[in-house]
Structures are given as C-alpha cells and as structure tokens.
Amino acid sequence: MPKGYEKMRDRFTADGMSERGAQKKAARIWNDQHPDKPVGRGEKKGGRKKSGAR
C-alpha cells in the first residue's frame, strides 16, 4: 500500500475511528486524489455482476 494512504488510515484510527471505517475513508480519499493508482480490493470496470439464476 502507498505510504500516503497508510499515514491517512493511521491518523483516522488514532482519532478514534474503527479500523474498517478508517480503511474505507482513507481509500475513498486516496482513490479520488490518485485515479491512476487506486487502492482497495481491486478496482474493476463494469460494476457489480448480477446473478443469472432467478
């Protein structure tokens, strides 16, 4: 992970946010500022796949 993202995430957890909440917030900010190098679970184009079974 990029050092800037980790620093942001750690600052949010130090301010009292939950670990998961801090990860989400830091990722959202980082991805907005760095669209060419996103962090997260794998940015895929095309959105969510729908289940074909109905």
N, C-alpha and C. Protein backbone atom coordinates (compact mmCIF):
# COMPACT_ATOMS: atom_id res chain seq x y z
N MET A 1 0.83 -1.17 0.00
CA MET A 1 0.00 0.00 0.00
C MET A 1 0.89 1.25 0.00
N PRO A 2 0.41 2.31 -0.63
CA PRO A 2 1.16 3.55 -0.65
C PRO A 2 1.31 4.14 0.76
N LYS A 3 2.46 4.75 1.01
CA LYS A 3 2.74 5.31 2.33
C LYS A 3 1.74 6.40 2.70
N GLY A 4 1.33 7.21 1.72
CA GLY A 4 0.38 8.28 2.00
C GLY A 4 -0.96 7.74 2.47
N TYR A 5 -1.41 6.65 1.85
CA TYR A 5 -2.66 6.00 2.24
C TYR A 5 -2.55 5.46 3.67
N GLU A 6 -1.44 4.80 3.96
CA GLU A 6 -1.24 4.22 5.29
C GLU A 6 -1.20 5.30 6.37
N LYS A 7 -0.55 6.41 6.05
CA LYS A 7 -0.45 7.52 7.00
C LYS A 7 -1.84 8.09 7.30
N MET A 8 -2.64 8.26 6.24
CA MET A 8 -4.00 8.76 6.39
C MET A 8 -4.83 7.80 7.24
N ARG A 9 -4.76 6.51 6.92
CA ARG A 9 -5.53 5.48 7.63
C ARG A 9 -5.15 5.45 9.11
N ASP A 10 -3.84 5.53 9.39
CA ASP A 10 -3.39 5.50 10.78
C ASP A 10 -3.84 6.74 11.55
N ARG A 11 -3.89 7.88 10.87
CA ARG A 11 -4.35 9.12 11.51
C ARG A 11 -5.83 8.99 11.89
N PHE A 12 -6.63 8.39 11.00
CA PHE A 12 -8.05 8.22 11.29
C PHE A 12 -8.27 7.26 12.46
N THR A 13 -7.49 6.18 12.54
CA THR A 13 -7.65 5.25 13.66
C THR A 13 -7.19 5.90 14.96
N ALA A 14 -6.16 6.74 14.90
CA ALA A 14 -5.69 7.43 16.10
C ALA A 14 -6.74 8.43 16.59
N ASP A 15 -7.55 8.95 15.69
CA ASP A 15 -8.61 9.88 16.05
C ASP A 15 -9.85 9.17 16.59
N GLY A 16 -9.83 7.84 16.64
CA GLY A 16 -10.92 7.09 17.26
C GLY A 16 -11.84 6.35 16.30
N MET A 17 -11.54 6.37 15.00
CA MET A 17 -12.37 5.62 14.04
C MET A 17 -12.07 4.13 14.15
N SER A 18 -13.02 3.32 13.74
CA SER A 18 -12.78 1.88 13.69
C SER A 18 -11.77 1.60 12.57
N GLU A 19 -11.12 0.45 12.65
CA GLU A 19 -10.12 0.08 11.64
C GLU A 19 -10.75 0.02 10.25
N ARG A 20 -11.90 -0.61 10.16
CA ARG A 20 -12.56 -0.75 8.86
C ARG A 20 -13.05 0.59 8.32
N GLY A 21 -13.60 1.40 9.19
CA GLY A 21 -14.07 2.72 8.78
C GLY A 21 -12.92 3.60 8.30
N ALA A 22 -11.79 3.51 9.00
CA ALA A 22 -10.61 4.29 8.61
C ALA A 22 -10.08 3.82 7.26
N GLN A 23 -10.10 2.52 7.02
CA GLN A 23 -9.65 1.99 5.73
C GLN A 23 -10.53 2.50 4.60
N LYS A 24 -11.85 2.47 4.82
CA LYS A 24 -12.78 2.92 3.79
C LYS A 24 -12.60 4.40 3.49
N LYS A 25 -12.50 5.21 4.54
CA LYS A 25 -12.38 6.65 4.36
C LYS A 25 -11.07 7.00 3.68
N ALA A 26 -9.97 6.39 4.12
CA ALA A 26 -8.67 6.67 3.52
C ALA A 26 -8.64 6.22 2.06
N ALA A 27 -9.23 5.07 1.75
CA ALA A 27 -9.27 4.58 0.37
C ALA A 27 -10.09 5.50 -0.52
N ARG A 28 -11.22 5.98 0.00
CA ARG A 28 -12.06 6.88 -0.76
C ARG A 28 -11.31 8.17 -1.11
N ILE A 29 -10.62 8.73 -0.12
CA ILE A 29 -9.87 9.97 -0.34
C ILE A 29 -8.70 9.71 -1.29
N TRP A 30 -7.95 8.64 -1.03
CA TRP A 30 -6.78 8.32 -1.86
C TRP A 30 -7.18 8.09 -3.31
N ASN A 31 -8.23 7.31 -3.53
CA ASN A 31 -8.65 6.99 -4.90
C ASN A 31 -9.15 8.23 -5.64
N ASP A 32 -9.74 9.17 -4.91
CA ASP A 32 -10.19 10.40 -5.54
C ASP A 32 -9.00 11.25 -5.98
N GLN A 33 -7.94 11.26 -5.17
CA GLN A 33 -6.77 12.07 -5.47
C GLN A 33 -5.80 11.38 -6.42
N HIS A 34 -5.85 10.06 -6.51
CA HIS A 34 -4.93 9.28 -7.35
C HIS A 34 -5.70 8.28 -8.21
N PRO A 35 -6.44 8.74 -9.21
CA PRO A 35 -7.27 7.82 -10.00
C PRO A 35 -6.46 6.80 -10.81
N ASP A 36 -5.20 7.08 -11.10
CA ASP A 36 -4.39 6.14 -11.87
C ASP A 36 -3.81 5.03 -11.01
N LYS A 37 -3.75 5.23 -9.68
CA LYS A 37 -3.18 4.23 -8.77
C LYS A 37 -4.12 4.01 -7.60
N PRO A 38 -5.28 3.39 -7.83
CA PRO A 38 -6.24 3.20 -6.74
C PRO A 38 -5.81 2.11 -5.76
N VAL A 39 -6.31 2.22 -4.54
CA VAL A 39 -6.10 1.18 -3.54
C VAL A 39 -7.45 0.54 -3.26
N GLY A 40 -7.44 -0.66 -2.75
CA GLY A 40 -8.68 -1.35 -2.41
C GLY A 40 -8.62 -2.79 -2.82
N ARG A 41 -9.77 -3.39 -2.96
CA ARG A 41 -9.87 -4.81 -3.25
C ARG A 41 -9.72 -5.14 -4.72
N GLY A 42 -9.38 -4.19 -5.52
CA GLY A 42 -9.26 -4.45 -6.95
C GLY A 42 -10.32 -3.67 -7.69
N GLU A 43 -9.95 -2.56 -8.17
CA GLU A 43 -10.89 -1.72 -8.90
C GLU A 43 -11.15 -2.35 -10.27
N LYS A 44 -12.38 -2.75 -10.50
CA LYS A 44 -12.75 -3.37 -11.77
C LYS A 44 -13.74 -2.47 -12.47
N LYS A 45 -13.66 -2.43 -13.76
CA LYS A 45 -14.61 -1.64 -14.53
C LYS A 45 -15.81 -2.50 -14.86
N GLY A 46 -16.95 -1.88 -14.95
CA GLY A 46 -18.15 -2.60 -15.31
C GLY A 46 -19.11 -2.81 -14.14
N GLY A 47 -18.68 -2.51 -12.94
CA GLY A 47 -19.58 -2.62 -11.80
C GLY A 47 -19.77 -4.05 -11.31
N ARG A 48 -20.82 -4.23 -10.55
CA ARG A 48 -21.12 -5.49 -9.92
C ARG A 48 -21.77 -6.44 -10.90
N LYS A 49 -21.40 -7.71 -10.83
CA LYS A 49 -22.02 -8.70 -11.70
C LYS A 49 -23.32 -9.16 -11.08
N LYS A 50 -24.30 -9.35 -11.91
CA LYS A 50 -25.60 -9.81 -11.44
C LYS A 50 -25.70 -11.32 -11.60
N SER A 51 -26.40 -11.94 -10.71
CA SER A 51 -26.61 -13.36 -10.76
C SER A 51 -27.62 -13.69 -11.85
N GLY A 52 -27.31 -14.70 -12.65
CA GLY A 52 -28.21 -15.07 -13.74
C GLY A 52 -29.32 -16.01 -13.29
N ALA A 53 -29.18 -16.63 -12.13
CA ALA A 53 -30.18 -17.59 -11.65
C ALA A 53 -31.35 -16.86 -11.02
N ARG A 54 -32.53 -17.06 -11.55
CA ARG A 54 -33.73 -16.45 -10.96
C ARG A 54 -34.86 -17.43 -10.96
